[in-house]
PDB file of all heavy atoms in Angstrom:
ATOM      1  N   GLN A   1       3.541  15.352 -24.063  1.00  0.00           N
ATOM      2  CA  GLN A   1       2.252  16.018 -23.897  1.00  0.00           C
ATOM      3  C   GLN A   1       1.120  15.004 -23.830  1.00  0.00           C
ATOM      4  O   GLN A   1       0.195  15.136 -23.012  1.00  0.00           O
ATOM      5  CB  GLN A   1       2.003  16.975 -25.051  1.00  0.00           C
ATOM      6  CG  GLN A   1       2.850  18.220 -25.010  1.00  0.00           C
ATOM      7  CD  GLN A   1       2.667  19.085 -26.236  1.00  0.00           C
ATOM      8  OE1 GLN A   1       2.105  18.638 -27.237  1.00  0.00           O
ATOM      9  NE2 GLN A   1       3.156  20.313 -26.175  1.00  0.00           N
ATOM     10  N   HIS A   2       1.171  13.996 -24.669  1.00  0.00           N
ATOM     11  CA  HIS A   2       0.136  12.964 -24.671  1.00  0.00           C
ATOM     12  C   HIS A   2       0.106  12.231 -23.333  1.00  0.00           C
ATOM     13  O   HIS A   2      -0.970  11.981 -22.778  1.00  0.00           O
ATOM     14  CB  HIS A   2       0.382  11.987 -25.823  1.00  0.00           C
ATOM     15  CG  HIS A   2      -0.605  10.878 -25.884  1.00  0.00           C
ATOM     16  ND1 HIS A   2      -1.919  11.061 -26.258  1.00  0.00           N
ATOM     17  CD2 HIS A   2      -0.488   9.557 -25.607  1.00  0.00           C
ATOM     18  CE1 HIS A   2      -2.564   9.915 -26.211  1.00  0.00           C
ATOM     19  NE2 HIS A   2      -1.710   8.978 -25.825  1.00  0.00           N
ATOM     20  N   THR A   3       1.273  11.899 -22.798  1.00  0.00           N
ATOM     21  CA  THR A   3       1.343  11.206 -21.504  1.00  0.00           C
ATOM     22  C   THR A   3       0.785  12.084 -20.392  1.00  0.00           C
ATOM     23  O   THR A   3       0.047  11.611 -19.522  1.00  0.00           O
ATOM     24  CB  THR A   3       2.793  10.805 -21.196  1.00  0.00           C
ATOM     25  OG1 THR A   3       3.270   9.976 -22.251  1.00  0.00           O
ATOM     26  CG2 THR A   3       2.890  10.047 -19.894  1.00  0.00           C
ATOM     27  N   ALA A   4       1.124  13.371 -20.410  1.00  0.00           N
ATOM     28  CA  ALA A   4       0.638  14.282 -19.377  1.00  0.00           C
ATOM     29  C   ALA A   4      -0.880  14.409 -19.425  1.00  0.00           C
ATOM     30  O   ALA A   4      -1.546  14.397 -18.384  1.00  0.00           O
ATOM     31  CB  ALA A   4       1.300  15.645 -19.540  1.00  0.00           C
ATOM     32  N   VAL A   5      -1.443  14.533 -20.619  1.00  0.00           N
ATOM     33  CA  VAL A   5      -2.900  14.646 -20.758  1.00  0.00           C
ATOM     34  C   VAL A   5      -3.578  13.362 -20.298  1.00  0.00           C
ATOM     35  O   VAL A   5      -4.595  13.397 -19.604  1.00  0.00           O
ATOM     36  CB  VAL A   5      -3.272  14.982 -22.219  1.00  0.00           C
ATOM     37  CG1 VAL A   5      -4.758  14.807 -22.467  1.00  0.00           C
ATOM     38  CG2 VAL A   5      -2.835  16.397 -22.544  1.00  0.00           C
ATOM     39  N   ARG A   6      -3.011  12.217 -20.691  1.00  0.00           N
ATOM     40  CA  ARG A   6      -3.605  10.937 -20.305  1.00  0.00           C
ATOM     41  C   ARG A   6      -3.588  10.749 -18.789  1.00  0.00           C
ATOM     42  O   ARG A   6      -4.563  10.300 -18.191  1.00  0.00           O
ATOM     43  CB  ARG A   6      -2.849   9.801 -20.988  1.00  0.00           C
ATOM     44  CG  ARG A   6      -3.523   8.462 -20.798  1.00  0.00           C
ATOM     45  CD  ARG A   6      -2.780   7.382 -21.522  1.00  0.00           C
ATOM     46  NE  ARG A   6      -1.414   7.334 -21.011  1.00  0.00           N
ATOM     47  CZ  ARG A   6      -0.366   6.923 -21.707  1.00  0.00           C
ATOM     48  NH1 ARG A   6      -0.501   6.525 -22.929  1.00  0.00           N
ATOM     49  NH2 ARG A   6       0.830   6.909 -21.177  1.00  0.00           N
ATOM     50  N   GLN A   7      -2.483  11.138 -18.143  1.00  0.00           N
ATOM     51  CA  GLN A   7      -2.407  10.980 -16.688  1.00  0.00           C
ATOM     52  C   GLN A   7      -3.324  11.956 -15.966  1.00  0.00           C
ATOM     53  O   GLN A   7      -3.832  11.662 -14.894  1.00  0.00           O
ATOM     54  CB  GLN A   7      -0.967  11.157 -16.217  1.00  0.00           C
ATOM     55  CG  GLN A   7      -0.083   9.986 -16.579  1.00  0.00           C
ATOM     56  CD  GLN A   7       1.360  10.198 -16.146  1.00  0.00           C
ATOM     57  OE1 GLN A   7       1.741  11.283 -15.731  1.00  0.00           O
ATOM     58  NE2 GLN A   7       2.150   9.156 -16.265  1.00  0.00           N
ATOM     59  N   ALA A   8      -3.533  13.135 -16.545  1.00  0.00           N
ATOM     60  CA  ALA A   8      -4.397  14.133 -15.910  1.00  0.00           C
ATOM     61  C   ALA A   8      -5.853  13.675 -15.910  1.00  0.00           C
ATOM     62  O   ALA A   8      -6.601  13.977 -14.981  1.00  0.00           O
ATOM     63  CB  ALA A   8      -4.267  15.467 -16.627  1.00  0.00           C
ATOM     64  N   HIS A   9      -6.264  12.929 -16.927  1.00  0.00           N
ATOM     65  CA  HIS A   9      -7.648  12.482 -17.013  1.00  0.00           C
ATOM     66  C   HIS A   9      -7.876  11.095 -16.445  1.00  0.00           C
ATOM     67  O   HIS A   9      -9.001  10.604 -16.434  1.00  0.00           O
ATOM     68  CB  HIS A   9      -8.107  12.509 -18.479  1.00  0.00           C
ATOM     69  CG  HIS A   9      -8.246  13.890 -18.999  1.00  0.00           C
ATOM     70  ND1 HIS A   9      -7.218  14.549 -19.632  1.00  0.00           N
ATOM     71  CD2 HIS A   9      -9.277  14.768 -18.964  1.00  0.00           C
ATOM     72  CE1 HIS A   9      -7.612  15.758 -19.967  1.00  0.00           C
ATOM     73  NE2 HIS A   9      -8.862  15.925 -19.581  1.00  0.00           N
ATOM     74  N   HIS A  10      -6.814  10.464 -15.973  1.00  0.00           N
ATOM     75  CA  HIS A  10      -6.946   9.105 -15.465  1.00  0.00           C
ATOM     76  C   HIS A  10      -7.396   9.133 -14.009  1.00  0.00           C
ATOM     77  O   HIS A  10      -6.796   9.793 -13.179  1.00  0.00           O
ATOM     78  CB  HIS A  10      -5.595   8.375 -15.571  1.00  0.00           C
ATOM     79  CG  HIS A  10      -5.640   6.984 -15.031  1.00  0.00           C
ATOM     80  ND1 HIS A  10      -6.366   5.981 -15.618  1.00  0.00           N
ATOM     81  CD2 HIS A  10      -5.044   6.421 -13.950  1.00  0.00           C
ATOM     82  CE1 HIS A  10      -6.216   4.864 -14.926  1.00  0.00           C
ATOM     83  NE2 HIS A  10      -5.415   5.107 -13.911  1.00  0.00           N
ATOM     84  N   LYS A  11      -8.466   8.438 -13.727  1.00  0.00           N
ATOM     85  CA  LYS A  11      -8.946   8.335 -12.352  1.00  0.00           C
ATOM     86  C   LYS A  11      -8.148   7.242 -11.643  1.00  0.00           C
ATOM     87  O   LYS A  11      -8.062   6.119 -12.125  1.00  0.00           O
ATOM     88  CB  LYS A  11     -10.431   7.966 -12.323  1.00  0.00           C
ATOM     89  CG  LYS A  11     -11.311   8.928 -13.044  1.00  0.00           C
ATOM     90  CD  LYS A  11     -11.715  10.049 -12.150  1.00  0.00           C
ATOM     91  CE  LYS A  11     -12.766  10.861 -12.883  1.00  0.00           C
ATOM     92  NZ  LYS A  11     -12.826  12.206 -12.518  1.00  0.00           N
ATOM     93  N   HIS A  12      -7.589   7.585 -10.502  1.00  0.00           N
ATOM     94  CA  HIS A  12      -6.785   6.619  -9.753  1.00  0.00           C
ATOM     95  C   HIS A  12      -7.677   5.885  -8.768  1.00  0.00           C
ATOM     96  O   HIS A  12      -8.241   6.486  -7.862  1.00  0.00           O
ATOM     97  CB  HIS A  12      -5.658   7.327  -9.009  1.00  0.00           C
ATOM     98  CG  HIS A  12      -4.853   6.413  -8.152  1.00  0.00           C
ATOM     99  ND1 HIS A  12      -4.014   5.446  -8.675  1.00  0.00           N
ATOM    100  CD2 HIS A  12      -4.752   6.291  -6.808  1.00  0.00           C
ATOM    101  CE1 HIS A  12      -3.444   4.788  -7.694  1.00  0.00           C
ATOM    102  NE2 HIS A  12      -3.870   5.285  -6.550  1.00  0.00           N
ATOM    103  N   GLU A  13      -7.815   4.590  -8.973  1.00  0.00           N
ATOM    104  CA  GLU A  13      -8.575   3.774  -8.034  1.00  0.00           C
ATOM    105  C   GLU A  13      -7.601   3.145  -7.063  1.00  0.00           C
ATOM    106  O   GLU A  13      -6.553   2.658  -7.457  1.00  0.00           O
ATOM    107  CB  GLU A  13      -9.328   2.672  -8.780  1.00  0.00           C
ATOM    108  CG  GLU A  13     -10.372   3.200  -9.725  1.00  0.00           C
ATOM    109  CD  GLU A  13     -11.090   2.074 -10.441  1.00  0.00           C
ATOM    110  OE1 GLU A  13     -10.913   0.904 -10.053  1.00  0.00           O
ATOM    111  OE2 GLU A  13     -11.815   2.363 -11.392  1.00  0.00           O
ATOM    112  N   PRO A  14      -7.915   3.148  -5.776  1.00  0.00           N
ATOM    113  CA  PRO A  14      -7.000   2.538  -4.811  1.00  0.00           C
ATOM    114  C   PRO A  14      -6.894   1.036  -5.039  1.00  0.00           C
ATOM    115  O   PRO A  14      -7.890   0.349  -5.220  1.00  0.00           O
ATOM    116  CB  PRO A  14      -7.629   2.844  -3.447  1.00  0.00           C
ATOM    117  CG  PRO A  14      -9.004   3.312  -3.725  1.00  0.00           C
ATOM    118  CD  PRO A  14      -9.069   3.738  -5.153  1.00  0.00           C
ATOM    119  N   ASN A  15      -5.671   0.552  -5.053  1.00  0.00           N
ATOM    120  CA  ASN A  15      -5.459  -0.882  -5.215  1.00  0.00           C
ATOM    121  C   ASN A  15      -5.253  -1.523  -3.847  1.00  0.00           C
ATOM    122  O   ASN A  15      -5.419  -0.880  -2.810  1.00  0.00           O
ATOM    123  CB  ASN A  15      -4.280  -1.153  -6.157  1.00  0.00           C
ATOM    124  CG  ASN A  15      -2.992  -0.552  -5.654  1.00  0.00           C
ATOM    125  OD1 ASN A  15      -2.894  -0.144  -4.500  1.00  0.00           O
ATOM    126  ND2 ASN A  15      -2.001  -0.489  -6.510  1.00  0.00           N
ATOM    127  N   PHE A  16      -4.866  -2.776  -3.836  1.00  0.00           N
ATOM    128  CA  PHE A  16      -4.706  -3.504  -2.583  1.00  0.00           C
ATOM    129  C   PHE A  16      -3.695  -2.820  -1.673  1.00  0.00           C
ATOM    130  O   PHE A  16      -3.912  -2.690  -0.472  1.00  0.00           O
ATOM    131  CB  PHE A  16      -4.255  -4.944  -2.872  1.00  0.00           C
ATOM    132  CG  PHE A  16      -3.994  -5.750  -1.634  1.00  0.00           C
ATOM    133  CD1 PHE A  16      -5.032  -6.364  -0.975  1.00  0.00           C
ATOM    134  CD2 PHE A  16      -2.713  -5.887  -1.126  1.00  0.00           C
ATOM    135  CE1 PHE A  16      -4.808  -7.109   0.170  1.00  0.00           C
ATOM    136  CE2 PHE A  16      -2.472  -6.624   0.013  1.00  0.00           C
ATOM    137  CZ  PHE A  16      -3.526  -7.240   0.659  1.00  0.00           C
ATOM    138  N   HIS A  17      -2.567  -2.368  -2.251  1.00  0.00           N
ATOM    139  CA  HIS A  17      -1.516  -1.767  -1.436  1.00  0.00           C
ATOM    140  C   HIS A  17      -1.954  -0.422  -0.861  1.00  0.00           C
ATOM    141  O   HIS A  17      -1.572  -0.077   0.261  1.00  0.00           O
ATOM    142  CB  HIS A  17      -0.251  -1.602  -2.268  1.00  0.00           C
ATOM    143  CG  HIS A  17       0.261  -2.902  -2.791  1.00  0.00           C
ATOM    144  ND1 HIS A  17       0.875  -3.831  -1.978  1.00  0.00           N
ATOM    145  CD2 HIS A  17       0.228  -3.450  -4.021  1.00  0.00           C
ATOM    146  CE1 HIS A  17       1.202  -4.887  -2.708  1.00  0.00           C
ATOM    147  NE2 HIS A  17       0.820  -4.686  -3.946  1.00  0.00           N
ATOM    148  N   ASP A  18      -2.749   0.322  -1.616  1.00  0.00           N
ATOM    149  CA  ASP A  18      -3.270   1.584  -1.092  1.00  0.00           C
ATOM    150  C   ASP A  18      -4.245   1.342   0.055  1.00  0.00           C
ATOM    151  O   ASP A  18      -4.270   2.093   1.026  1.00  0.00           O
ATOM    152  CB  ASP A  18      -3.975   2.367  -2.196  1.00  0.00           C
ATOM    153  CG  ASP A  18      -3.022   2.833  -3.280  1.00  0.00           C
ATOM    154  OD1 ASP A  18      -1.827   3.014  -2.974  1.00  0.00           O
ATOM    155  OD2 ASP A  18      -3.470   3.000  -4.424  1.00  0.00           O
ATOM    156  N   LYS A  19      -5.055   0.315  -0.077  1.00  0.00           N
ATOM    157  CA  LYS A  19      -6.072   0.043   0.938  1.00  0.00           C
ATOM    158  C   LYS A  19      -5.490  -0.610   2.192  1.00  0.00           C
ATOM    159  O   LYS A  19      -5.811  -0.226   3.306  1.00  0.00           O
ATOM    160  CB  LYS A  19      -7.149  -0.887   0.380  1.00  0.00           C
ATOM    161  CG  LYS A  19      -8.045  -0.265  -0.648  1.00  0.00           C
ATOM    162  CD  LYS A  19      -9.076  -1.278  -1.102  1.00  0.00           C
ATOM    163  CE  LYS A  19      -9.984  -0.721  -2.158  1.00  0.00           C
ATOM    164  NZ  LYS A  19     -10.943  -1.724  -2.639  1.00  0.00           N
ATOM    165  N   TYR A  20      -4.642  -1.635   2.000  1.00  0.00           N
ATOM    166  CA  TYR A  20      -4.243  -2.471   3.129  1.00  0.00           C
ATOM    167  C   TYR A  20      -2.742  -2.477   3.387  1.00  0.00           C
ATOM    168  O   TYR A  20      -2.283  -3.232   4.240  1.00  0.00           O
ATOM    169  CB  TYR A  20      -4.683  -3.917   2.873  1.00  0.00           C
ATOM    170  CG  TYR A  20      -6.147  -4.040   2.571  1.00  0.00           C
ATOM    171  CD1 TYR A  20      -6.578  -4.395   1.303  1.00  0.00           C
ATOM    172  CD2 TYR A  20      -7.090  -3.790   3.552  1.00  0.00           C
ATOM    173  CE1 TYR A  20      -7.920  -4.510   1.015  1.00  0.00           C
ATOM    174  CE2 TYR A  20      -8.434  -3.900   3.280  1.00  0.00           C
ATOM    175  CZ  TYR A  20      -8.846  -4.262   2.011  1.00  0.00           C
ATOM    176  OH  TYR A  20     -10.170  -4.374   1.732  1.00  0.00           O
ATOM    177  N   GLY A  21      -1.961  -1.669   2.681  1.00  0.00           N
ATOM    178  CA  GLY A  21      -0.513  -1.719   2.796  1.00  0.00           C
ATOM    179  C   GLY A  21      -0.010  -1.467   4.204  1.00  0.00           C
ATOM    180  O   GLY A  21       0.804  -2.224   4.741  1.00  0.00           O
ATOM    181  N   ASN A  22      -0.481  -0.395   4.829  1.00  0.00           N
ATOM    182  CA  ASN A  22      -0.023  -0.076   6.186  1.00  0.00           C
ATOM    183  C   ASN A  22      -0.487  -1.119   7.184  1.00  0.00           C
ATOM    184  O   ASN A  22       0.244  -1.464   8.120  1.00  0.00           O
ATOM    185  CB  ASN A  22      -0.519   1.307   6.602  1.00  0.00           C
ATOM    186  CG  ASN A  22       0.167   2.405   5.820  1.00  0.00           C
ATOM    187  OD1 ASN A  22       1.274   2.228   5.334  1.00  0.00           O
ATOM    188  ND2 ASN A  22      -0.503   3.528   5.685  1.00  0.00           N
ATOM    189  N   LEU A  23      -1.689  -1.635   7.000  1.00  0.00           N
ATOM    190  CA  LEU A  23      -2.209  -2.652   7.907  1.00  0.00           C
ATOM    191  C   LEU A  23      -1.385  -3.934   7.827  1.00  0.00           C
ATOM    192  O   LEU A  23      -1.043  -4.536   8.854  1.00  0.00           O
ATOM    193  CB  LEU A  23      -3.673  -2.934   7.572  1.00  0.00           C
ATOM    194  CG  LEU A  23      -4.429  -3.857   8.526  1.00  0.00           C
ATOM    195  CD1 LEU A  23      -4.536  -3.221   9.897  1.00  0.00           C
ATOM    196  CD2 LEU A  23      -5.804  -4.150   7.975  1.00  0.00           C
ATOM    197  N   VAL A  24      -1.038  -4.330   6.620  1.00  0.00           N
ATOM    198  CA  VAL A  24      -0.215  -5.527   6.443  1.00  0.00           C
ATOM    199  C   VAL A  24       1.174  -5.307   7.031  1.00  0.00           C
ATOM    200  O   VAL A  24       1.729  -6.185   7.695  1.00  0.00           O
ATOM    201  CB  VAL A  24      -0.136  -5.905   4.944  1.00  0.00           C
ATOM    202  CG1 VAL A  24       0.893  -6.988   4.705  1.00  0.00           C
ATOM    203  CG2 VAL A  24      -1.498  -6.346   4.444  1.00  0.00           C
ATOM    204  N   LEU A  25       1.739  -4.129   6.825  1.00  0.00           N
ATOM    205  CA  LEU A  25       3.055  -3.815   7.376  1.00  0.00           C
ATOM    206  C   LEU A  25       3.039  -3.848   8.899  1.00  0.00           C
ATOM    207  O   LEU A  25       3.926  -4.440   9.529  1.00  0.00           O
ATOM    208  CB  LEU A  25       3.503  -2.437   6.884  1.00  0.00           C
ATOM    209  CG  LEU A  25       4.883  -1.980   7.328  1.00  0.00           C
ATOM    210  CD1 LEU A  25       5.949  -2.869   6.704  1.00  0.00           C
ATOM    211  CD2 LEU A  25       5.110  -0.546   6.955  1.00  0.00           C
ATOM    212  N   LEU A  26       2.036  -3.256   9.502  1.00  0.00           N
ATOM    213  CA  LEU A  26       1.937  -3.265  10.966  1.00  0.00           C
ATOM    214  C   LEU A  26       1.682  -4.666  11.499  1.00  0.00           C
ATOM    215  O   LEU A  26       2.213  -5.050  12.544  1.00  0.00           O
ATOM    216  CB  LEU A  26       0.835  -2.307  11.428  1.00  0.00           C
ATOM    217  CG  LEU A  26       1.130  -0.823  11.214  1.00  0.00           C
ATOM    218  CD1 LEU A  26      -0.079   0.017  11.590  1.00  0.00           C
ATOM    219  CD2 LEU A  26       2.343  -0.397  12.015  1.00  0.00           C
ATOM    220  N   GLY A  27       0.875  -5.448  10.794  1.00  0.00           N
ATOM    221  CA  GLY A  27       0.634  -6.826  11.215  1.00  0.00           C
ATOM    222  C   GLY A  27       1.902  -7.661  11.162  1.00  0.00           C
ATOM    223  O   GLY A  27       2.191  -8.444  12.070  1.00  0.00           O
ATOM    224  N   GLY A  28       2.679  -7.493  10.105  1.00  0.00           N
ATOM    225  CA  GLY A  28       3.950  -8.207  10.000  1.00  0.00           C
ATOM    226  C   GLY A  28       4.924  -7.799  11.086  1.00  0.00           C
ATOM    227  O   GLY A  28       5.624  -8.637  11.650  1.00  0.00           O
ATOM    228  N   ALA A  29       4.969  -6.513  11.397  1.00  0.00           N
ATOM    229  CA  ALA A  29       5.851  -6.045  12.465  1.00  0.00           C
ATOM    230  C   ALA A  29       5.411  -6.606  13.821  1.00  0.00           C
ATOM    231  O   ALA A  29       6.256  -6.970  14.656  1.00  0.00           O
ATOM    232  CB  ALA A  29       5.860  -4.522  12.508  1.00  0.00           C
ATOM    233  N   ALA A  30       4.112  -6.716  14.036  1.00  0.00           N
ATOM    234  CA  ALA A  30       3.616  -7.273  15.299  1.00  0.00           C
ATOM    235  C   ALA A  30       3.963  -8.753  15.420  1.00  0.00           C
ATOM    236  O   ALA A  30       4.384  -9.216  16.492  1.00  0.00           O
ATOM    237  CB  ALA A  30       2.102  -7.068  15.391  1.00  0.00           C
ATOM    238  N   VAL A  31       3.794  -9.509  14.346  1.00  0.00           N
ATOM    239  CA  VAL A  31       4.146 -10.928  14.374  1.00  0.00           C
ATOM    240  C   VAL A  31       5.645 -11.094  14.583  1.00  0.00           C
ATOM    241  O   VAL A  31       6.083 -11.938  15.374  1.00  0.00           O
ATOM    242  CB  VAL A  31       3.681 -11.630  13.075  1.00  0.00           C
ATOM    243  CG1 VAL A  31       4.247 -13.025  12.963  1.00  0.00           C
ATOM    244  CG2 VAL A  31       2.166 -11.662  13.026  1.00  0.00           C
ATOM    245  N   PHE A  32       6.450 -10.289  13.904  1.00  0.00           N
ATOM    246  CA  PHE A  32       7.896 -10.336  14.059  1.00  0.00           C
ATOM    247  C   PHE A  32       8.289 -10.087  15.517  1.00  0.00           C
ATOM    248  O   PHE A  32       9.086 -10.830  16.099  1.00  0.00           O
ATOM    249  CB  PHE A  32       8.525  -9.274  13.145  1.00  0.00           C
ATOM    250  CG  PHE A  32      10.014  -9.175  13.253  1.00  0.00           C
ATOM    251  CD1 PHE A  32      10.823 -10.000  12.504  1.00  0.00           C
ATOM    252  CD2 PHE A  32      10.600  -8.240  14.089  1.00  0.00           C
ATOM    253  CE1 PHE A  32      12.192  -9.904  12.588  1.00  0.00           C
ATOM    254  CE2 PHE A  32      11.970  -8.139  14.187  1.00  0.00           C
ATOM    255  CZ  PHE A  32      12.771  -8.968  13.434  1.00  0.00           C
ATOM    256  N   ALA A  33       7.715  -9.034  16.121  1.00  0.00           N
ATOM    257  CA  ALA A  33       8.037  -8.704  17.511  1.00  0.00           C
ATOM    258  C   ALA A  33       7.563  -9.797  18.457  1.00  0.00           C
ATOM    259  O   ALA A  33       8.262 -10.132  19.430  1.00  0.00           O
ATOM    260  CB  ALA A  33       7.404  -7.363  17.877  1.00  0.00           C
ATOM    261  N   ALA A  34       6.398 -10.386  18.202  1.00  0.00           N
ATOM    262  CA  ALA A  34       5.876 -11.429  19.079  1.00  0.00           C
ATOM    263  C   ALA A  34       6.746 -12.686  19.020  1.00  0.00           C
ATOM    264  O   ALA A  34       7.061 -13.278  20.054  1.00  0.00           O
ATOM    265  CB  ALA A  34       4.441 -11.763  18.691  1.00  0.00           C
ATOM    266  N   VAL A  35       7.153 -13.085  17.827  1.00  0.00           N
ATOM    267  CA  VAL A  35       7.972 -14.289  17.685  1.00  0.00           C
ATOM    268  C   VAL A  35       9.327 -14.092  18.350  1.00  0.00           C
ATOM    269  O   VAL A  35       9.779 -14.945  19.133  1.00  0.00           O
ATOM    270  CB  VAL A  35       8.128 -14.671  16.199  1.00  0.00           C
ATOM    271  CG1 VAL A  35       9.202 -15.716  16.016  1.00  0.00           C
ATOM    272  CG2 VAL A  35       6.805 -15.171  15.649  1.00  0.00           C
ATOM    273  N   TRP A  36       9.992 -12.975  18.088  1.00  0.00           N
ATOM    274  CA  TRP A  36      11.298 -12.758  18.703  1.00  0.00           C
ATOM    275  C   TRP A  36      11.170 -12.502  20.205  1.00  0.00           C
ATOM    276  O   TRP A  36      12.062 -12.865  20.973  1.00  0.00           O
ATOM    277  CB  TRP A  36      12.031 -11.621  18.015  1.00  0.00           C
ATOM    278  CG  TRP A  36      12.676 -12.101  16.762  1.00  0.00           C
ATOM    279  CD1 TRP A  36      12.296 -11.825  15.485  1.00  0.00           C
ATOM    280  CD2 TRP A  36      13.791 -12.988  16.667  1.00  0.00           C
ATOM    281  NE1 TRP A  36      13.115 -12.479  14.607  1.00  0.00           N
ATOM    282  CE2 TRP A  36      14.043 -13.194  15.295  1.00  0.00           C
ATOM    283  CE3 TRP A  36      14.592 -13.637  17.590  1.00  0.00           C
ATOM    284  CZ2 TRP A  36      15.077 -14.015  14.841  1.00  0.00           C
ATOM    285  CZ3 TRP A  36      15.625 -14.452  17.135  1.00  0.00           C
ATOM    286  CH2 TRP A  36      15.854 -14.631  15.786  1.00  0.00           C
ATOM    287  N   GLY A  37      10.082 -11.914  20.639  1.00  0.00           N
ATOM    288  CA  GLY A  37       9.847 -11.765  22.084  1.00  0.00           C
ATOM    289  C   GLY A  37       9.737 -13.118  22.761  1.00  0.00           C
ATOM    290  O   GLY A  37      10.292 -13.340  23.846  1.00  0.00           O
ATOM    291  N   TYR A  38       9.047 -14.043  22.120  1.00  0.00           N
ATOM    292  CA  TYR A  38       8.952 -15.407  22.648  1.00  0.00           C
ATOM    293  C   TYR A  38      10.323 -16.081  22.679  1.00  0.00           C
ATOM    294  O   TYR A  38      10.697 -16.718  23.647  1.00  0.00           O
ATOM    295  CB  TYR A  38       7.975 -16.228  21.818  1.00  0.00           C
ATOM    296  CG  TYR A  38       7.992 -17.693  22.197  1.00  0.00           C
ATOM    297  CD1 TYR A  38       7.312 -18.142  23.319  1.00  0.00           C
ATOM    298  CD2 TYR A  38       8.712 -18.620  21.452  1.00  0.00           C
ATOM    299  CE1 TYR A  38       7.343 -19.475  23.691  1.00  0.00           C
ATOM    300  CE2 TYR A  38       8.755 -19.953  21.813  1.00  0.00           C
ATOM    301  CZ  TYR A  38       8.062 -20.373  22.929  1.00  0.00           C
ATOM    302  OH  TYR A  38       8.108 -21.695  23.295  1.00  0.00           O
TER     303      TYR A  38
END
């Protein structure tokens, strides 16, 4: 119960992975494709 109450009142701030995770993943995939294409 204590854990549930604490999580319910906790404000989730976006971290680096929330903000830039997809961008980094797509950038890595683009570099991978470019290198192997070459």
